[in-house]
Amino acid sequence: RRLRENRELFPEEVIVWEDNRELVGLGETTE
C-alpha cells in the first residue's frame, strides 16, 4: 500500500538527465 501510495503521490519525483545528473522533486515540467 505504501509503495503504491508513494508512486501515486510522486510519479515523477526523480528525473535523470542524459548527463546522469539527478534532479529531485521537480514533478512535471515544460521543455
PDB file of all heavy atoms in Angstrom:
ATOM      1  N   ARG A   1       0.833  -1.203   0.000  1.00  0.00           N
ATOM      2  CA  ARG A   1       0.000   0.000   0.000  1.00  0.00           C
ATOM      3  C   ARG A   1       0.870   1.257   0.000  1.00  0.00           C
ATOM      4  O   ARG A   1       0.634   2.184  -0.770  1.00  0.00           O
ATOM      5  CB  ARG A   1      -0.942  -0.006   1.201  1.00  0.00           C
ATOM      6  CG  ARG A   1      -1.974   1.118   1.148  1.00  0.00           C
ATOM      7  CD  ARG A   1      -2.936   1.076   2.322  1.00  0.00           C
ATOM      8  NE  ARG A   1      -2.273   1.529   3.535  1.00  0.00           N
ATOM      9  CZ  ARG A   1      -1.989   0.773   4.588  1.00  0.00           C
ATOM     10  NH1 ARG A   1      -2.324  -0.491   4.613  1.00  0.00           N
ATOM     11  NH2 ARG A   1      -1.371   1.263   5.636  1.00  0.00           N
ATOM     12  N   ARG A   2       1.899   1.290   0.822  1.00  0.00           N
ATOM     13  CA  ARG A   2       2.768   2.462   0.896  1.00  0.00           C
ATOM     14  C   ARG A   2       3.520   2.688  -0.422  1.00  0.00           C
ATOM     15  O   ARG A   2       3.645   3.825  -0.872  1.00  0.00           O
ATOM     16  CB  ARG A   2       3.773   2.313   2.051  1.00  0.00           C
ATOM     17  CG  ARG A   2       3.125   2.292   3.423  1.00  0.00           C
ATOM     18  CD  ARG A   2       2.483   3.592   3.779  1.00  0.00           C
ATOM     19  NE  ARG A   2       3.514   4.607   3.780  1.00  0.00           N
ATOM     20  CZ  ARG A   2       3.307   5.901   3.795  1.00  0.00           C
ATOM     21  NH1 ARG A   2       2.087   6.370   3.839  1.00  0.00           N
ATOM     22  NH2 ARG A   2       4.293   6.755   3.783  1.00  0.00           N
ATOM     23  N   LEU A   3       3.991   1.614  -1.032  1.00  0.00           N
ATOM     24  CA  LEU A   3       4.680   1.763  -2.315  1.00  0.00           C
ATOM     25  C   LEU A   3       3.746   2.338  -3.365  1.00  0.00           C
ATOM     26  O   LEU A   3       4.127   3.235  -4.124  1.00  0.00           O
ATOM     27  CB  LEU A   3       5.231   0.420  -2.789  1.00  0.00           C
ATOM     28  CG  LEU A   3       6.477  -0.089  -2.080  1.00  0.00           C
ATOM     29  CD1 LEU A   3       6.778  -1.523  -2.500  1.00  0.00           C
ATOM     30  CD2 LEU A   3       7.668   0.812  -2.359  1.00  0.00           C
ATOM     31  N   ARG A   4       2.519   1.842  -3.411  1.00  0.00           N
ATOM     32  CA  ARG A   4       1.556   2.349  -4.401  1.00  0.00           C
ATOM     33  C   ARG A   4       1.162   3.794  -4.106  1.00  0.00           C
ATOM     34  O   ARG A   4       1.062   4.616  -5.015  1.00  0.00           O
ATOM     35  CB  ARG A   4       0.339   1.444  -4.450  1.00  0.00           C
ATOM     36  CG  ARG A   4       0.616   0.140  -5.167  1.00  0.00           C
ATOM     37  CD  ARG A   4      -0.632  -0.733  -5.300  1.00  0.00           C
ATOM     38  NE  ARG A   4      -0.320  -1.944  -5.993  1.00  0.00           N
ATOM     39  CZ  ARG A   4       0.170  -3.043  -5.424  1.00  0.00           C
ATOM     40  NH1 ARG A   4       0.378  -3.078  -4.125  1.00  0.00           N
ATOM     41  NH2 ARG A   4       0.442  -4.116  -6.139  1.00  0.00           N
ATOM     42  N   GLU A   5       0.939   4.105  -2.837  1.00  0.00           N
ATOM     43  CA  GLU A   5       0.589   5.474  -2.464  1.00  0.00           C
ATOM     44  C   GLU A   5       1.702   6.433  -2.845  1.00  0.00           C
ATOM     45  O   GLU A   5       1.437   7.509  -3.377  1.00  0.00           O
ATOM     46  CB  GLU A   5       0.325   5.572  -0.960  1.00  0.00           C
ATOM     47  CG  GLU A   5      -0.969   4.957  -0.512  1.00  0.00           C
ATOM     48  CD  GLU A   5      -1.105   4.897   1.009  1.00  0.00           C
ATOM     49  OE1 GLU A   5      -0.160   5.293   1.727  1.00  0.00           O
ATOM     50  OE2 GLU A   5      -2.158   4.439   1.476  1.00  0.00           O
ATOM     51  N   ASN A   6       2.922   6.061  -2.566  1.00  0.00           N
ATOM     52  CA  ASN A   6       4.047   6.942  -2.875  1.00  0.00           C
ATOM     53  C   ASN A   6       4.222   7.113  -4.376  1.00  0.00           C
ATOM     54  O   ASN A   6       4.584   8.190  -4.833  1.00  0.00           O
ATOM     55  CB  ASN A   6       5.340   6.414  -2.247  1.00  0.00           C
ATOM     56  CG  ASN A   6       5.359   6.657  -0.757  1.00  0.00           C
ATOM     57  OD1 ASN A   6       4.691   7.545  -0.251  1.00  0.00           O
ATOM     58  ND2 ASN A   6       6.119   5.850  -0.044  1.00  0.00           N
ATOM     59  N   ARG A   7       3.958   6.086  -5.151  1.00  0.00           N
ATOM     60  CA  ARG A   7       4.053   6.212  -6.604  1.00  0.00           C
ATOM     61  C   ARG A   7       2.976   7.160  -7.113  1.00  0.00           C
ATOM     62  O   ARG A   7       3.207   7.923  -8.044  1.00  0.00           O
ATOM     63  CB  ARG A   7       3.878   4.855  -7.274  1.00  0.00           C
ATOM     64  CG  ARG A   7       5.087   3.979  -7.108  1.00  0.00           C
ATOM     65  CD  ARG A   7       4.913   2.752  -7.884  1.00  0.00           C
ATOM     66  NE  ARG A   7       5.818   2.872  -9.025  1.00  0.00           N
ATOM     67  CZ  ARG A   7       5.986   1.937  -9.911  1.00  0.00           C
ATOM     68  NH1 ARG A   7       5.295   0.832  -9.843  1.00  0.00           N
ATOM     69  NH2 ARG A   7       6.834   2.089 -10.881  1.00  0.00           N
ATOM     70  N   GLU A   8       1.781   7.113  -6.514  1.00  0.00           N
ATOM     71  CA  GLU A   8       0.708   7.994  -6.939  1.00  0.00           C
ATOM     72  C   GLU A   8       0.993   9.440  -6.541  1.00  0.00           C
ATOM     73  O   GLU A   8       0.686  10.363  -7.280  1.00  0.00           O
ATOM     74  CB  GLU A   8      -0.620   7.531  -6.349  1.00  0.00           C
ATOM     75  CG  GLU A   8      -1.093   6.214  -6.941  1.00  0.00           C
ATOM     76  CD  GLU A   8      -2.242   5.590  -6.161  1.00  0.00           C
ATOM     77  OE1 GLU A   8      -2.771   6.225  -5.232  1.00  0.00           O
ATOM     78  OE2 GLU A   8      -2.603   4.448  -6.486  1.00  0.00           O
ATOM     79  N   LEU A   9       1.586   9.639  -5.364  1.00  0.00           N
ATOM     80  CA  LEU A   9       1.879  10.988  -4.905  1.00  0.00           C
ATOM     81  C   LEU A   9       3.039  11.625  -5.659  1.00  0.00           C
ATOM     82  O   LEU A   9       3.033  12.815  -5.930  1.00  0.00           O
ATOM     83  CB  LEU A   9       2.218  10.975  -3.405  1.00  0.00           C
ATOM     84  CG  LEU A   9       1.065  10.691  -2.456  1.00  0.00           C
ATOM     85  CD1 LEU A   9       1.578  10.592  -1.027  1.00  0.00           C
ATOM     86  CD2 LEU A   9       0.002  11.774  -2.552  1.00  0.00           C
ATOM     87  N   PHE A  10       4.039  10.827  -5.971  1.00  0.00           N
ATOM     88  CA  PHE A  10       5.253  11.357  -6.574  1.00  0.00           C
ATOM     89  C   PHE A  10       5.627  10.583  -7.834  1.00  0.00           C
ATOM     90  O   PHE A  10       6.699  10.002  -7.917  1.00  0.00           O
ATOM     91  CB  PHE A  10       6.411  11.278  -5.565  1.00  0.00           C
ATOM     92  CG  PHE A  10       6.089  11.902  -4.249  1.00  0.00           C
ATOM     93  CD1 PHE A  10       5.820  11.101  -3.144  1.00  0.00           C
ATOM     94  CD2 PHE A  10       6.032  13.272  -4.108  1.00  0.00           C
ATOM     95  CE1 PHE A  10       5.517  11.670  -1.926  1.00  0.00           C
ATOM     96  CE2 PHE A  10       5.725  13.849  -2.882  1.00  0.00           C
ATOM     97  CZ  PHE A  10       5.461  13.046  -1.787  1.00  0.00           C
ATOM     98  N   PRO A  11       4.754  10.590  -8.829  1.00  0.00           N
ATOM     99  CA  PRO A  11       5.024   9.768 -10.014  1.00  0.00           C
ATOM    100  C   PRO A  11       6.274  10.191 -10.784  1.00  0.00           C
ATOM    101  O   PRO A  11       6.898   9.383 -11.417  1.00  0.00           O
ATOM    102  CB  PRO A  11       3.766   9.932 -10.858  1.00  0.00           C
ATOM    103  CG  PRO A  11       3.179  11.217 -10.421  1.00  0.00           C
ATOM    104  CD  PRO A  11       3.536  11.354  -8.967  1.00  0.00           C
ATOM    105  N   GLU A  12       6.632  11.454 -10.718  1.00  0.00           N
ATOM    106  CA  GLU A  12       7.804  11.913 -11.459  1.00  0.00           C
ATOM    107  C   GLU A  12       8.721  12.700 -10.545  1.00  0.00           C
ATOM    108  O   GLU A  12       9.261  13.724 -10.906  1.00  0.00           O
ATOM    109  CB  GLU A  12       7.353  12.747 -12.645  1.00  0.00           C
ATOM    110  CG  GLU A  12       6.463  11.941 -13.560  1.00  0.00           C
ATOM    111  CD  GLU A  12       6.445  12.461 -14.965  1.00  0.00           C
ATOM    112  OE1 GLU A  12       7.376  13.166 -15.350  1.00  0.00           O
ATOM    113  OE2 GLU A  12       5.483  12.153 -15.657  1.00  0.00           O
ATOM    114  N   GLU A  13       8.924  12.200  -9.354  1.00  0.00           N
ATOM    115  CA  GLU A  13       9.740  12.911  -8.383  1.00  0.00           C
ATOM    116  C   GLU A  13      11.210  12.966  -8.795  1.00  0.00           C
ATOM    117  O   GLU A  13      11.883  13.953  -8.588  1.00  0.00           O
ATOM    118  CB  GLU A  13       9.615  12.249  -7.012  1.00  0.00           C
ATOM    119  CG  GLU A  13      10.421  12.951  -5.955  1.00  0.00           C
ATOM    120  CD  GLU A  13      10.322  12.245  -4.642  1.00  0.00           C
ATOM    121  OE1 GLU A  13      10.358  11.022  -4.612  1.00  0.00           O
ATOM    122  OE2 GLU A  13      10.217  12.957  -3.631  1.00  0.00           O
ATOM    123  N   VAL A  14      11.713  11.908  -9.380  1.00  0.00           N
ATOM    124  CA  VAL A  14      13.122  11.855  -9.736  1.00  0.00           C
ATOM    125  C   VAL A  14      13.250  11.859 -11.256  1.00  0.00           C
ATOM    126  O   VAL A  14      12.666  11.039 -11.937  1.00  0.00           O
ATOM    127  CB  VAL A  14      13.785  10.585  -9.161  1.00  0.00           C
ATOM    128  CG1 VAL A  14      15.243  10.515  -9.589  1.00  0.00           C
ATOM    129  CG2 VAL A  14      13.661  10.575  -7.647  1.00  0.00           C
ATOM    130  N   ILE A  15      14.009  12.797 -11.761  1.00  0.00           N
ATOM    131  CA  ILE A  15      14.270  12.880 -13.189  1.00  0.00           C
ATOM    132  C   ILE A  15      15.771  12.733 -13.379  1.00  0.00           C
ATOM    133  O   ILE A  15      16.557  13.452 -12.768  1.00  0.00           O
ATOM    134  CB  ILE A  15      13.801  14.234 -13.768  1.00  0.00           C
ATOM    135  CG1 ILE A  15      12.298  14.405 -13.534  1.00  0.00           C
ATOM    136  CG2 ILE A  15      14.144  14.331 -15.252  1.00  0.00           C
ATOM    137  CD1 ILE A  15      11.778  15.777 -13.860  1.00  0.00           C
ATOM    138  N   VAL A  16      16.185  11.816 -14.225  1.00  0.00           N
ATOM    139  CA  VAL A  16      17.601  11.631 -14.501  1.00  0.00           C
ATOM    140  C   VAL A  16      17.864  12.130 -15.912  1.00  0.00           C
ATOM    141  O   VAL A  16      17.261  11.665 -16.877  1.00  0.00           O
ATOM    142  CB  VAL A  16      18.009  10.144 -14.368  1.00  0.00           C
ATOM    143  CG1 VAL A  16      19.482   9.973 -14.675  1.00  0.00           C
ATOM    144  CG2 VAL A  16      17.682   9.640 -12.974  1.00  0.00           C
ATOM    145  N   TRP A  17      18.765  13.099 -16.033  1.00  0.00           N
ATOM    146  CA  TRP A  17      19.092  13.690 -17.322  1.00  0.00           C
ATOM    147  C   TRP A  17      20.156  12.858 -18.005  1.00  0.00           C
ATOM    148  O   TRP A  17      20.807  12.015 -17.413  1.00  0.00           O
ATOM    149  CB  TRP A  17      19.574  15.129 -17.131  1.00  0.00           C
ATOM    150  CG  TRP A  17      18.538  15.949 -16.436  1.00  0.00           C
ATOM    151  CD1 TRP A  17      18.516  16.291 -15.129  1.00  0.00           C
ATOM    152  CD2 TRP A  17      17.337  16.472 -16.995  1.00  0.00           C
ATOM    153  NE1 TRP A  17      17.392  17.006 -14.835  1.00  0.00           N
ATOM    154  CE2 TRP A  17      16.644  17.140 -15.967  1.00  0.00           C
ATOM    155  CE3 TRP A  17      16.782  16.458 -18.267  1.00  0.00           C
ATOM    156  CZ2 TRP A  17      15.442  17.783 -16.181  1.00  0.00           C
ATOM    157  CZ3 TRP A  17      15.582  17.106 -18.463  1.00  0.00           C
ATOM    158  CH2 TRP A  17      14.923  17.757 -17.435  1.00  0.00           C
ATOM    159  N   GLU A  18      20.370  13.122 -19.298  1.00  0.00           N
ATOM    160  CA  GLU A  18      21.328  12.345 -20.076  1.00  0.00           C
ATOM    161  C   GLU A  18      22.733  12.378 -19.500  1.00  0.00           C
ATOM    162  O   GLU A  18      23.480  11.423 -19.620  1.00  0.00           O
ATOM    163  CB  GLU A  18      21.346  12.820 -21.530  1.00  0.00           C
ATOM    164  CG  GLU A  18      20.115  12.384 -22.291  1.00  0.00           C
ATOM    165  CD  GLU A  18      20.168  12.801 -23.744  1.00  0.00           C
ATOM    166  OE1 GLU A  18      21.272  13.012 -24.264  1.00  0.00           O
ATOM    167  OE2 GLU A  18      19.086  12.910 -24.346  1.00  0.00           O
ATOM    168  N   ASP A  19      23.125  13.474 -18.846  1.00  0.00           N
ATOM    169  CA  ASP A  19      24.468  13.556 -18.274  1.00  0.00           C
ATOM    170  C   ASP A  19      24.528  12.932 -16.878  1.00  0.00           C
ATOM    171  O   ASP A  19      25.482  13.118 -16.145  1.00  0.00           O
ATOM    172  CB  ASP A  19      24.967  14.999 -18.244  1.00  0.00           C
ATOM    173  CG  ASP A  19      24.139  15.894 -17.324  1.00  0.00           C
ATOM    174  OD1 ASP A  19      23.157  15.406 -16.729  1.00  0.00           O
ATOM    175  OD2 ASP A  19      24.488  17.074 -17.188  1.00  0.00           O
ATOM    176  N   ASN A  20      23.465  12.166 -16.527  1.00  0.00           N
ATOM    177  CA  ASN A  20      23.360  11.427 -15.256  1.00  0.00           C
ATOM    178  C   ASN A  20      23.202  12.312 -14.032  1.00  0.00           C
ATOM    179  O   ASN A  20      23.305  11.835 -12.916  1.00  0.00           O
ATOM    180  CB  ASN A  20      24.545  10.479 -15.067  1.00  0.00           C
ATOM    181  CG  ASN A  20      24.494   9.339 -16.048  1.00  0.00           C
ATOM    182  OD1 ASN A  20      23.421   8.889 -16.426  1.00  0.00           O
ATOM    183  ND2 ASN A  20      25.645   8.901 -16.495  1.00  0.00           N
ATOM    184  N   ARG A  21      22.969  13.628 -14.235  1.00  0.00           N
ATOM    185  CA  ARG A  21      22.646  14.457 -13.084  1.00  0.00           C
ATOM    186  C   ARG A  21      21.217  14.162 -12.695  1.00  0.00           C
ATOM    187  O   ARG A  21      20.362  13.940 -13.541  1.00  0.00           O
ATOM    188  CB  ARG A  21      22.775  15.942 -13.422  1.00  0.00           C
ATOM    189  CG  ARG A  21      24.192  16.386 -13.559  1.00  0.00           C
ATOM    190  CD  ARG A  21      24.295  17.888 -13.697  1.00  0.00           C
ATOM    191  NE  ARG A  21      23.489  18.337 -14.821  1.00  0.00           N
ATOM    192  CZ  ARG A  21      22.780  19.473 -14.817  1.00  0.00           C
ATOM    193  NH1 ARG A  21      22.767  20.251 -13.770  1.00  0.00           N
ATOM    194  NH2 ARG A  21      22.077  19.821 -15.869  1.00  0.00           N
ATOM    195  N   GLU A  22      20.947  14.168 -11.421  1.00  0.00           N
ATOM    196  CA  GLU A  22      19.612  13.827 -10.930  1.00  0.00           C
ATOM    197  C   GLU A  22      18.978  15.060 -10.309  1.00  0.00           C
ATOM    198  O   GLU A  22      19.578  15.727  -9.475  1.00  0.00           O
ATOM    199  CB  GLU A  22      19.732  12.712  -9.892  1.00  0.00           C
ATOM    200  CG  GLU A  22      18.423  12.084  -9.534  1.00  0.00           C
ATOM    201  CD  GLU A  22      18.619  10.895  -8.631  1.00  0.00           C
ATOM    202  OE1 GLU A  22      18.802   9.774  -9.130  1.00  0.00           O
ATOM    203  OE2 GLU A  22      18.588  11.115  -7.406  1.00  0.00           O
ATOM    204  N   LEU A  23      17.787  15.391 -10.738  1.00  0.00           N
ATOM    205  CA  LEU A  23      17.033  16.489 -10.154  1.00  0.00           C
ATOM    206  C   LEU A  23      15.861  15.884  -9.405  1.00  0.00           C
ATOM    207  O   LEU A  23      15.092  15.120  -9.966  1.00  0.00           O
ATOM    208  CB  LEU A  23      16.549  17.450 -11.238  1.00  0.00           C
ATOM    209  CG  LEU A  23      17.653  18.080 -12.082  1.00  0.00           C
ATOM    210  CD1 LEU A  23      17.039  18.939 -13.186  1.00  0.00           C
ATOM    211  CD2 LEU A  23      18.570  18.923 -11.220  1.00  0.00           C
ATOM    212  N   VAL A  24      15.708  16.232  -8.149  1.00  0.00           N
ATOM    213  CA  VAL A  24      14.698  15.612  -7.310  1.00  0.00           C
ATOM    214  C   VAL A  24      13.596  16.612  -6.995  1.00  0.00           C
ATOM    215  O   VAL A  24      13.861  17.775  -6.711  1.00  0.00           O
ATOM    216  CB  VAL A  24      15.328  15.108  -5.992  1.00  0.00           C
ATOM    217  CG1 VAL A  24      14.284  14.481  -5.092  1.00  0.00           C
ATOM    218  CG2 VAL A  24      16.452  14.131  -6.290  1.00  0.00           C
ATOM    219  N   GLY A  25      12.358  16.136  -7.027  1.00  0.00           N
ATOM    220  CA  GLY A  25      11.223  16.929  -6.583  1.00  0.00           C
ATOM    221  C   GLY A  25      10.695  17.912  -7.609  1.00  0.00           C
ATOM    222  O   GLY A  25       9.987  18.832  -7.251  1.00  0.00           O
ATOM    223  N   LEU A  26      11.014  17.731  -8.864  1.00  0.00           N
ATOM    224  CA  LEU A  26      10.544  18.679  -9.867  1.00  0.00           C
ATOM    225  C   LEU A  26       9.116  18.436 -10.311  1.00  0.00           C
ATOM    226  O   LEU A  26       8.445  19.350 -10.726  1.00  0.00           O
ATOM    227  CB  LEU A  26      11.458  18.646 -11.095  1.00  0.00           C
ATOM    228  CG  LEU A  26      12.873  19.162 -10.888  1.00  0.00           C
ATOM    229  CD1 LEU A  26      13.644  19.047 -12.195  1.00  0.00           C
ATOM    230  CD2 LEU A  26      12.848  20.603 -10.418  1.00  0.00           C
ATOM    231  N   GLY A  27       8.690  17.215 -10.290  1.00  0.00           N
ATOM    232  CA  GLY A  27       7.374  16.906 -10.827  1.00  0.00           C
ATOM    233  C   GLY A  27       7.397  17.120 -12.322  1.00  0.00           C
ATOM    234  O   GLY A  27       8.429  17.047 -12.959  1.00  0.00           O
ATOM    235  N   GLU A  28       6.261  17.410 -12.899  1.00  0.00           N
ATOM    236  CA  GLU A  28       6.215  17.616 -14.343  1.00  0.00           C
ATOM    237  C   GLU A  28       6.676  19.030 -14.671  1.00  0.00           C
ATOM    238  O   GLU A  28       6.320  19.986 -13.999  1.00  0.00           O
ATOM    239  CB  GLU A  28       4.794  17.389 -14.856  1.00  0.00           C
ATOM    240  CG  GLU A  28       4.374  15.942 -14.744  1.00  0.00           C
ATOM    241  CD  GLU A  28       3.097  15.671 -15.491  1.00  0.00           C
ATOM    242  OE1 GLU A  28       2.851  16.325 -16.526  1.00  0.00           O
ATOM    243  OE2 GLU A  28       2.345  14.816 -15.034  1.00  0.00           O
ATOM    244  N   THR A  29       7.499  19.139 -15.699  1.00  0.00           N
ATOM    245  CA  THR A  29       7.993  20.444 -16.132  1.00  0.00           C
ATOM    246  C   THR A  29       7.785  20.563 -17.629  1.00  0.00           C
ATOM    247  O   THR A  29       7.597  19.581 -18.326  1.00  0.00           O
ATOM    248  CB  THR A  29       9.501  20.590 -15.820  1.00  0.00           C
ATOM    249  OG1 THR A  29      10.199  19.544 -16.492  1.00  0.00           O
ATOM    250  CG2 THR A  29       9.769  20.520 -14.329  1.00  0.00           C
ATOM    251  N   THR A  30       7.876  21.806 -18.101  1.00  0.00           N
ATOM    252  CA  THR A  30       7.786  22.010 -19.544  1.00  0.00           C
ATOM    253  C   THR A  30       9.166  21.807 -20.150  1.00  0.00           C
ATOM    254  O   THR A  30      10.172  21.781 -19.446  1.00  0.00           O
ATOM    255  CB  THR A  30       7.296  23.437 -19.864  1.00  0.00           C
ATOM    256  OG1 THR A  30       8.305  24.352 -19.435  1.00  0.00           O
ATOM    257  CG2 THR A  30       5.973  23.729 -19.184  1.00  0.00           C
ATOM    258  N   GLU A  31       9.222  21.711 -21.459  1.00  0.00           N
ATOM    259  CA  GLU A  31      10.509  21.530 -22.136  1.00  0.00           C
ATOM    260  C   GLU A  31      11.425  22.716 -21.866  1.00  0.00           C
ATOM    261  O   GLU A  31      12.610  22.567 -21.654  1.00  0.00           O
ATOM    262  CB  GLU A  31      10.266  21.337 -23.627  1.00  0.00           C
ATOM    263  CG  GLU A  31      11.489  20.839 -24.365  1.00  0.00           C
ATOM    264  CD  GLU A  31      11.153  20.469 -25.791  1.00  0.00           C
ATOM    265  OE1 GLU A  31      10.163  19.760 -26.006  1.00  0.00           O
ATOM    266  OE2 GLU A  31      11.900  20.917 -26.675  1.00  0.00           O
TER     267      GLU A  31
END
